[in-house]
């Protein structure tokens, strides 16, 4: 084990977040820089006012991964959205038809009916035809994204995703009243305001 010498950078904290075993704390200057970076990124986010869907917006999350479902649900509930959940395509179709969500996050790879088939059926059903749908997948090949959009998805999100990306995708689908809209029903904002 190497000893720390004054005038040299201190060893980094271990993954558990505890100070190094030699008892010295991390370089105070790096802590300040980290705090400034955090402050700057928060200031940048506040500089551009983000639009949000109205509280109570009903969002259906469809994914066979309990981890992805839990992550998205937590993010959405924290923003006062109502979250419906399905772990397969068949359940997603039933819930979407019965509950008529305002927006759907739909994974491509699902047990039973896959996301592509579910998307086609949602677009053919009068009750769900105009619900905006964001497809999600761990495979972000450009051809897949193109295909998704050709058969009626409104957007595509690659896994893993960040909180900022989730809300940016939602914001992209909002109309002037903060309601998510399918591309065919959204009124386009003038290019200068985008």
C-alpha atoms as a PDB file:
ATOM      1  CA  UNK A   1       0.000   0.000   0.000  1.00  0.00           C
ATOM      2  CA  UNK A   2       1.403   3.381  -1.008  1.00  0.00           C
ATOM      3  CA  UNK A   3       1.644   6.155   1.523  1.00  0.00           C
ATOM      4  CA  UNK A   4       0.160   9.547   0.785  1.00  0.00           C
ATOM      5  CA  UNK A   5       2.608  12.432   0.818  1.00  0.00           C
ATOM      6  CA  UNK A   6       1.697  16.092   1.328  1.00  0.00           C
ATOM      7  CA  UNK A   7       1.735  18.052  -1.927  1.00  0.00           C
ATOM      8  CA  UNK A   8       0.501  15.079  -3.965  1.00  0.00           C
ATOM      9  CA  UNK A   9      -3.137  14.417  -4.808  1.00  0.00           C
ATOM     10  CA  UNK A  10      -4.854  12.264  -2.235  1.00  0.00           C
ATOM     11  CA  UNK A  11      -6.056   8.848  -3.328  1.00  0.00           C
ATOM     12  CA  UNK A  12      -9.684   8.739  -4.393  1.00  0.00           C
ATOM     13  CA  UNK A  13     -12.389   7.484  -2.053  1.00  0.00           C
ATOM     14  CA  UNK A  14     -13.199   3.819  -2.436  1.00  0.00           C
ATOM     15  CA  UNK A  15     -16.442   2.765  -4.167  1.00  0.00           C
ATOM     16  CA  UNK A  16     -18.312   2.580  -0.865  1.00  0.00           C
ATOM     17  CA  UNK A  17     -17.663   6.312  -0.415  1.00  0.00           C
ATOM     18  CA  UNK A  18     -15.428   5.912   2.633  1.00  0.00           C
ATOM     19  CA  UNK A  19     -12.179   7.909   2.861  1.00  0.00           C
ATOM     20  CA  UNK A  20      -8.968   6.104   1.888  1.00  0.00           C
ATOM     21  CA  UNK A  21      -7.606   3.619   4.409  1.00  0.00           C
ATOM     22  CA  UNK A  22      -4.607   5.854   5.148  1.00  0.00           C
ATOM     23  CA  UNK A  23      -6.894   8.306   6.947  1.00  0.00           C
ATOM     24  CA  UNK A  24      -6.368  11.307   4.655  1.00  0.00           C
ATOM     25  CA  UNK A  25      -9.368  12.923   3.003  1.00  0.00           C
ATOM     26  CA  UNK A  26      -9.698  13.630  -0.710  1.00  0.00           C
ATOM     27  CA  UNK A  27      -8.230  16.785  -2.208  1.00  0.00           C
ATOM     28  CA  UNK A  28     -10.465  19.709  -1.072  1.00  0.00           C
ATOM     29  CA  UNK A  29      -9.951  21.465  -4.413  1.00  0.00           C
ATOM     30  CA  UNK A  30     -11.443  18.532  -6.322  1.00  0.00           C
ATOM     31  CA  UNK A  31     -14.444  18.575  -3.941  1.00  0.00           C
ATOM     32  CA  UNK A  32     -14.989  22.270  -4.736  1.00  0.00           C
ATOM     33  CA  UNK A  33     -14.689  21.616  -8.484  1.00  0.00           C
ATOM     34  CA  UNK A  34     -17.213  18.793  -8.188  1.00  0.00           C
ATOM     35  CA  UNK A  35     -19.592  21.076  -6.262  1.00  0.00           C
ATOM     36  CA  UNK A  36     -19.184  23.818  -8.903  1.00  0.00           C
ATOM     37  CA  UNK A  37     -19.805  21.326 -11.718  1.00  0.00           C
ATOM     38  CA  UNK A  38     -22.990  20.160  -9.994  1.00  0.00           C
ATOM     39  CA  UNK A  39     -24.085  23.752  -9.449  1.00  0.00           C
ATOM     40  CA  UNK A  40     -23.310  24.688 -13.072  1.00  0.00           C
ATOM     41  CA  UNK A  41     -25.272  21.780 -14.522  1.00  0.00           C
ATOM     42  CA  UNK A  42     -28.254  22.611 -12.277  1.00  0.00           C
ATOM     43  CA  UNK A  43     -28.025  26.261 -13.361  1.00  0.00           C
ATOM     44  CA  UNK A  44     -27.922  25.196 -17.024  1.00  0.00           C
ATOM     45  CA  UNK A  45     -31.075  23.122 -16.528  1.00  0.00           C
ATOM     46  CA  UNK A  46     -32.873  26.044 -14.888  1.00  0.00           C
ATOM     47  CA  UNK A  47     -31.771  28.446 -17.640  1.00  0.00           C
ATOM     48  CA  UNK A  48     -34.002  26.671 -20.161  1.00  0.00           C
ATOM     49  CA  UNK A  49     -37.444  26.375 -18.670  1.00  0.00           C
ATOM     50  CA  UNK A  50     -38.633  22.809 -19.185  1.00  0.00           C
ATOM     51  CA  UNK A  51     -42.276  22.165 -19.984  1.00  0.00           C
ATOM     52  CA  UNK A  52     -43.942  19.300 -18.212  1.00  0.00           C
ATOM     53  CA  UNK A  53     -47.089  17.329 -18.843  1.00  0.00           C
ATOM     54  CA  UNK A  54     -49.948  18.300 -16.586  1.00  0.00           C
ATOM     55  CA  UNK A  55     -50.123  16.534 -13.201  1.00  0.00           C
ATOM     56  CA  UNK A  56     -52.324  13.444 -13.339  1.00  0.00           C
ATOM     57  CA  UNK A  57     -51.204  12.522 -16.869  1.00  0.00           C
ATOM     58  CA  UNK A  58     -51.765   8.764 -17.213  1.00  0.00           C
ATOM     59  CA  UNK A  59     -48.739   6.903 -18.567  1.00  0.00           C
ATOM     60  CA  UNK A  60     -48.603   3.196 -19.389  1.00  0.00           C
ATOM     61  CA  UNK A  61     -45.145   1.638 -18.968  1.00  0.00           C
ATOM     62  CA  UNK A  62     -44.708  -1.661 -20.835  1.00  0.00           C
ATOM     63  CA  UNK A  63     -41.510  -3.643 -20.266  1.00  0.00           C
ATOM     64  CA  UNK A  64     -40.737  -7.214 -19.180  1.00  0.00           C
ATOM     65  CA  UNK A  65     -37.916  -5.966 -16.926  1.00  0.00           C
ATOM     66  CA  UNK A  66     -39.156  -5.208 -13.399  1.00  0.00           C
ATOM     67  CA  UNK A  67     -36.080  -2.979 -12.980  1.00  0.00           C
ATOM     68  CA  UNK A  68     -36.943  -0.781 -15.984  1.00  0.00           C
ATOM     69  CA  UNK A  69     -40.600  -0.629 -14.928  1.00  0.00           C
ATOM     70  CA  UNK A  70     -39.684   0.356 -11.358  1.00  0.00           C
ATOM     71  CA  UNK A  71     -37.197   2.987 -12.554  1.00  0.00           C
ATOM     72  CA  UNK A  72     -39.598   4.633 -15.000  1.00  0.00           C
ATOM     73  CA  UNK A  73     -42.492   4.423 -12.545  1.00  0.00           C
ATOM     74  CA  UNK A  74     -40.478   6.127  -9.797  1.00  0.00           C
ATOM     75  CA  UNK A  75     -39.405   8.948 -12.146  1.00  0.00           C
ATOM     76  CA  UNK A  76     -42.941   9.509 -13.403  1.00  0.00           C
ATOM     77  CA  UNK A  77     -44.662   9.310 -10.006  1.00  0.00           C
ATOM     78  CA  UNK A  78     -42.196  11.873  -8.630  1.00  0.00           C
ATOM     79  CA  UNK A  79     -43.518  14.247 -11.303  1.00  0.00           C
ATOM     80  CA  UNK A  80     -47.133  13.613 -10.243  1.00  0.00           C
ATOM     81  CA  UNK A  81     -48.073  11.350 -13.154  1.00  0.00           C
ATOM     82  CA  UNK A  82     -50.365   8.355 -12.760  1.00  0.00           C
ATOM     83  CA  UNK A  83     -48.530   5.210 -13.877  1.00  0.00           C
ATOM     84  CA  UNK A  84     -50.081   2.024 -15.265  1.00  0.00           C
ATOM     85  CA  UNK A  85     -47.859  -1.035 -15.726  1.00  0.00           C
ATOM     86  CA  UNK A  86     -47.766  -4.054 -18.060  1.00  0.00           C
ATOM     87  CA  UNK A  87     -45.035  -6.677 -18.373  1.00  0.00           C
ATOM     88  CA  UNK A  88     -46.095  -8.177 -21.739  1.00  0.00           C
ATOM     89  CA  UNK A  89     -47.740  -7.112 -24.990  1.00  0.00           C
ATOM     90  CA  UNK A  90     -51.107  -8.767 -24.408  1.00  0.00           C
ATOM     91  CA  UNK A  91     -51.597  -7.072 -21.030  1.00  0.00           C
ATOM     92  CA  UNK A  92     -50.473  -3.771 -22.521  1.00  0.00           C
ATOM     93  CA  UNK A  93     -53.157  -3.972 -25.217  1.00  0.00           C
ATOM     94  CA  UNK A  94     -55.877  -4.780 -22.672  1.00  0.00           C
ATOM     95  CA  UNK A  95     -54.837  -2.014 -20.267  1.00  0.00           C
ATOM     96  CA  UNK A  96     -54.428   0.564 -23.054  1.00  0.00           C
ATOM     97  CA  UNK A  97     -57.873  -0.225 -24.484  1.00  0.00           C
ATOM     98  CA  UNK A  98     -59.580  -0.185 -21.064  1.00  0.00           C
ATOM     99  CA  UNK A  99     -57.728   2.691 -19.345  1.00  0.00           C
ATOM    100  CA  UNK A 100     -56.905   4.930 -22.335  1.00  0.00           C
ATOM    101  CA  UNK A 101     -53.571   6.323 -21.101  1.00  0.00           C
ATOM    102  CA  UNK A 102     -52.301   9.715 -22.258  1.00  0.00           C
ATOM    103  CA  UNK A 103     -48.906   8.259 -23.233  1.00  0.00           C
ATOM    104  CA  UNK A 104     -47.279   4.827 -23.568  1.00  0.00           C
ATOM    105  CA  UNK A 105     -43.646   3.758 -23.088  1.00  0.00           C
ATOM    106  CA  UNK A 106     -43.457   0.466 -25.014  1.00  0.00           C
ATOM    107  CA  UNK A 107     -40.480  -1.902 -25.035  1.00  0.00           C
ATOM    108  CA  UNK A 108     -39.743  -3.657 -28.330  1.00  0.00           C
ATOM    109  CA  UNK A 109     -38.649  -7.020 -26.922  1.00  0.00           C
ATOM    110  CA  UNK A 110     -41.531  -8.508 -24.928  1.00  0.00           C
ATOM    111  CA  UNK A 111     -42.769 -12.021 -24.190  1.00  0.00           C
ATOM    112  CA  UNK A 112     -45.705 -13.056 -26.371  1.00  0.00           C
ATOM    113  CA  UNK A 113     -46.662 -10.176 -28.631  1.00  0.00           C
ATOM    114  CA  UNK A 114     -43.541  -8.090 -29.244  1.00  0.00           C
ATOM    115  CA  UNK A 115     -43.510  -4.301 -29.175  1.00  0.00           C
ATOM    116  CA  UNK A 116     -43.766  -3.953 -32.974  1.00  0.00           C
ATOM    117  CA  UNK A 117     -46.923  -6.088 -33.079  1.00  0.00           C
ATOM    118  CA  UNK A 118     -48.384  -4.288 -30.066  1.00  0.00           C
ATOM    119  CA  UNK A 119     -47.675  -0.927 -31.714  1.00  0.00           C
ATOM    120  CA  UNK A 120     -49.500  -1.993 -34.896  1.00  0.00           C
ATOM    121  CA  UNK A 121     -52.516  -3.200 -32.881  1.00  0.00           C
ATOM    122  CA  UNK A 122     -52.597   0.002 -30.803  1.00  0.00           C
ATOM    123  CA  UNK A 123     -52.650   2.068 -34.003  1.00  0.00           C
ATOM    124  CA  UNK A 124     -55.520  -0.011 -35.450  1.00  0.00           C
ATOM    125  CA  UNK A 125     -57.676   0.234 -32.292  1.00  0.00           C
ATOM    126  CA  UNK A 126     -59.991   3.254 -32.353  1.00  0.00           C
ATOM    127  CA  UNK A 127     -59.564   3.707 -28.571  1.00  0.00           C
ATOM    128  CA  UNK A 128     -55.751   3.906 -28.727  1.00  0.00           C
ATOM    129  CA  UNK A 129     -55.068   5.111 -32.275  1.00  0.00           C
ATOM    130  CA  UNK A 130     -54.017   8.602 -31.199  1.00  0.00           C
ATOM    131  CA  UNK A 131     -52.168   7.790 -27.972  1.00  0.00           C
ATOM    132  CA  UNK A 132     -48.545   8.915 -28.316  1.00  0.00           C
ATOM    133  CA  UNK A 133     -46.102   6.014 -28.025  1.00  0.00           C
ATOM    134  CA  UNK A 134     -42.412   6.118 -27.158  1.00  0.00           C
ATOM    135  CA  UNK A 135     -40.697   2.842 -28.058  1.00  0.00           C
ATOM    136  CA  UNK A 136     -37.808   1.752 -25.845  1.00  0.00           C
ATOM    137  CA  UNK A 137     -35.088  -0.776 -26.582  1.00  0.00           C
ATOM    138  CA  UNK A 138     -31.592  -1.789 -25.579  1.00  0.00           C
ATOM    139  CA  UNK A 139     -30.800  -2.252 -29.268  1.00  0.00           C
ATOM    140  CA  UNK A 140     -30.566   1.205 -30.803  1.00  0.00           C
ATOM    141  CA  UNK A 141     -29.737   0.365 -34.412  1.00  0.00           C
ATOM    142  CA  UNK A 142     -30.724   3.120 -36.814  1.00  0.00           C
ATOM    143  CA  UNK A 143     -32.768   0.693 -38.925  1.00  0.00           C
ATOM    144  CA  UNK A 144     -34.817  -0.324 -35.896  1.00  0.00           C
ATOM    145  CA  UNK A 145     -35.495   3.306 -35.027  1.00  0.00           C
ATOM    146  CA  UNK A 146     -36.532   4.039 -38.615  1.00  0.00           C
ATOM    147  CA  UNK A 147     -38.851   1.018 -38.669  1.00  0.00           C
ATOM    148  CA  UNK A 148     -40.448   1.991 -35.366  1.00  0.00           C
ATOM    149  CA  UNK A 149     -41.258   5.461 -36.646  1.00  0.00           C
ATOM    150  CA  UNK A 150     -42.591   4.136 -39.964  1.00  0.00           C
ATOM    151  CA  UNK A 151     -45.160   1.939 -38.234  1.00  0.00           C
ATOM    152  CA  UNK A 152     -46.482   4.687 -36.032  1.00  0.00           C
ATOM    153  CA  UNK A 153     -44.333   5.333 -32.968  1.00  0.00           C
ATOM    154  CA  UNK A 154     -43.871   8.949 -31.949  1.00  0.00           C
ATOM    155  CA  UNK A 155     -40.367   8.582 -30.560  1.00  0.00           C
ATOM    156  CA  UNK A 156     -37.645   6.079 -29.723  1.00  0.00           C
ATOM    157  CA  UNK A 157     -35.572   5.889 -26.542  1.00  0.00           C
ATOM    158  CA  UNK A 158     -32.476   3.721 -26.103  1.00  0.00           C
ATOM    159  CA  UNK A 159     -31.795   1.829 -22.867  1.00  0.00           C
ATOM    160  CA  UNK A 160     -30.137   2.735 -20.599  1.00  0.00           C
ATOM    161  CA  UNK A 161     -31.717   6.169 -20.375  1.00  0.00           C
ATOM    162  CA  UNK A 162     -31.388   9.122 -18.033  1.00  0.00           C
ATOM    163  CA  UNK A 163     -34.107  10.999 -16.186  1.00  0.00           C
ATOM    164  CA  UNK A 164     -33.381  14.038 -18.364  1.00  0.00           C
ATOM    165  CA  UNK A 165     -33.922  11.997 -21.533  1.00  0.00           C
ATOM    166  CA  UNK A 166     -37.225  10.562 -20.310  1.00  0.00           C
ATOM    167  CA  UNK A 167     -38.655  14.012 -19.603  1.00  0.00           C
ATOM    168  CA  UNK A 168     -37.178  15.490 -22.772  1.00  0.00           C
ATOM    169  CA  UNK A 169     -38.974  12.794 -24.804  1.00  0.00           C
ATOM    170  CA  UNK A 170     -42.245  13.550 -23.000  1.00  0.00           C
ATOM    171  CA  UNK A 171     -41.793  17.292 -23.473  1.00  0.00           C
ATOM    172  CA  UNK A 172     -41.289  16.784 -27.221  1.00  0.00           C
ATOM    173  CA  UNK A 173     -44.817  15.312 -27.446  1.00  0.00           C
ATOM    174  CA  UNK A 174     -46.691  18.015 -25.502  1.00  0.00           C
ATOM    175  CA  UNK A 175     -49.213  20.383 -26.991  1.00  0.00           C
ATOM    176  CA  UNK A 176     -49.753  23.940 -25.722  1.00  0.00           C
ATOM    177  CA  UNK A 177     -51.894  22.700 -22.795  1.00  0.00           C
ATOM    178  CA  UNK A 178     -49.250  20.205 -21.614  1.00  0.00           C
ATOM    179  CA  UNK A 179     -51.104  17.183 -23.019  1.00  0.00           C
ATOM    180  CA  UNK A 180     -49.074  14.498 -24.846  1.00  0.00           C
ATOM    181  CA  UNK A 181     -50.248  14.212 -28.467  1.00  0.00           C
ATOM    182  CA  UNK A 182     -49.670  11.679 -31.248  1.00  0.00           C
ATOM    183  CA  UNK A 183     -47.728  13.222 -34.146  1.00  0.00           C
ATOM    184  CA  UNK A 184     -50.794  13.366 -36.409  1.00  0.00           C
ATOM    185  CA  UNK A 185     -52.737  15.359 -33.780  1.00  0.00           C
ATOM    186  CA  UNK A 186     -50.023  17.681 -32.506  1.00  0.00           C
ATOM    187  CA  UNK A 187     -49.997  21.229 -33.755  1.00  0.00           C
ATOM    188  CA  UNK A 188     -46.442  22.041 -34.696  1.00  0.00           C
ATOM    189  CA  UNK A 189     -44.872  25.021 -32.982  1.00  0.00           C
ATOM    190  CA  UNK A 190     -43.151  27.591 -35.205  1.00  0.00           C
ATOM    191  CA  UNK A 191     -39.528  26.649 -35.891  1.00  0.00           C
ATOM    192  CA  UNK A 192     -38.242  29.840 -34.223  1.00  0.00           C
ATOM    193  CA  UNK A 193     -39.640  28.833 -30.822  1.00  0.00           C
ATOM    194  CA  UNK A 194     -38.097  25.348 -30.760  1.00  0.00           C
END
